[in-house]
């Protein structure tokens, strides 16, 4: 399975616009190549190098398997 964003490249920092220091909106995300038997998706956004340790920004559960993207600004992050 592959998760990507038009807002930034894999391995790069999330642009400030999508952080608590910026506009604090969610970045656009899309995914592909899930196993055929997938029934739903869970997405977790954590910050593994936060000063206090791993910080969970948000979680979305039970996304239907027919949904393959989330639009920019769909939710607030922090």
Protein backbone atom coordinates (compact mmCIF):
# COMPACT_ATOMS: atom_id res chain seq x y z
CA UNK A 1 0.00 0.00 0.00
CA UNK A 2 1.21 3.51 -0.80
CA UNK A 3 0.26 6.77 0.99
CA UNK A 4 1.18 10.06 -0.69
CA UNK A 5 0.44 13.77 -0.56
CA UNK A 6 0.58 16.47 -3.21
CA UNK A 7 1.71 18.87 -0.45
CA UNK A 8 5.11 17.28 0.31
CA UNK A 9 7.40 14.44 -0.72
CA UNK A 10 8.15 11.28 1.23
CA UNK A 11 10.87 11.88 3.81
CA UNK A 12 10.50 15.66 3.75
CA UNK A 13 9.14 17.81 6.55
CA UNK A 14 5.45 18.63 6.51
CA UNK A 15 5.10 22.23 5.24
CA UNK A 16 4.41 24.82 7.95
CA UNK A 17 0.96 25.55 6.47
CA UNK A 18 -0.18 22.10 7.67
CA UNK A 19 1.16 22.46 11.23
CA UNK A 20 0.08 24.17 14.46
CA UNK A 21 2.63 26.88 13.63
CA UNK A 22 0.89 27.59 10.32
CA UNK A 23 -2.73 27.42 9.18
CA UNK A 24 -3.25 24.15 11.06
CA UNK A 25 -5.20 22.42 8.29
CA UNK A 26 -4.84 18.82 7.23
CA UNK A 27 -2.73 18.08 4.19
CA UNK A 28 -4.24 16.35 1.17
CA UNK A 29 -3.66 12.59 1.31
CA UNK A 30 -4.28 9.79 -1.14
CA UNK A 31 -3.55 6.09 -1.03
CA UNK A 32 -3.42 3.19 -3.48
CA UNK A 33 -2.53 -0.47 -3.85
CA UNK A 34 -4.38 -1.72 -0.76
CA UNK A 35 -4.96 -5.48 -0.60
CA UNK A 36 -8.14 -6.57 -2.38
CA UNK A 37 -9.69 -7.84 0.89
CA UNK A 38 -9.39 -4.41 2.61
CA UNK A 39 -12.64 -3.50 4.37
CA UNK A 40 -11.67 -0.14 5.86
CA UNK A 41 -8.71 2.12 6.63
CA UNK A 42 -7.39 3.76 9.80
CA UNK A 43 -5.06 6.74 9.45
CA UNK A 44 -2.82 7.93 12.28
CA UNK A 45 -0.69 11.05 12.14
CA UNK A 46 2.04 11.13 14.72
CA UNK A 47 5.19 13.17 15.20
CA UNK A 48 8.00 10.77 16.05
CA UNK A 49 10.52 13.52 16.84
CA UNK A 50 8.37 15.80 19.01
CA UNK A 51 10.28 17.28 21.98
CA UNK A 52 8.27 15.25 24.52
CA UNK A 53 8.38 11.99 22.53
CA UNK A 54 5.95 10.60 19.99
CA UNK A 55 2.92 12.89 19.73
CA UNK A 56 -0.35 11.73 18.16
CA UNK A 57 -1.83 14.64 16.20
CA UNK A 58 -4.95 12.90 14.95
CA UNK A 59 -6.54 9.55 14.11
CA UNK A 60 -9.34 8.63 11.72
CA UNK A 61 -10.93 5.22 12.02
CA UNK A 62 -13.15 3.08 9.82
CA UNK A 63 -12.67 4.92 6.52
CA UNK A 64 -14.58 2.90 3.88
CA UNK A 65 -12.36 0.89 1.54
CA UNK A 66 -13.88 2.79 -1.40
CA UNK A 67 -12.44 6.07 -0.08
CA UNK A 68 -8.96 6.61 -1.51
CA UNK A 69 -8.22 10.21 -0.51
CA UNK A 70 -8.82 12.98 1.99
CA UNK A 71 -9.03 16.53 0.72
CA UNK A 72 -6.87 19.34 2.08
CA UNK A 73 -8.43 21.07 5.05
CA UNK A 74 -10.73 18.18 5.87
CA UNK A 75 -9.99 18.61 9.58
CA UNK A 76 -7.88 20.58 12.05
CA UNK A 77 -4.66 18.93 13.09
CA UNK A 78 -3.41 19.70 16.61
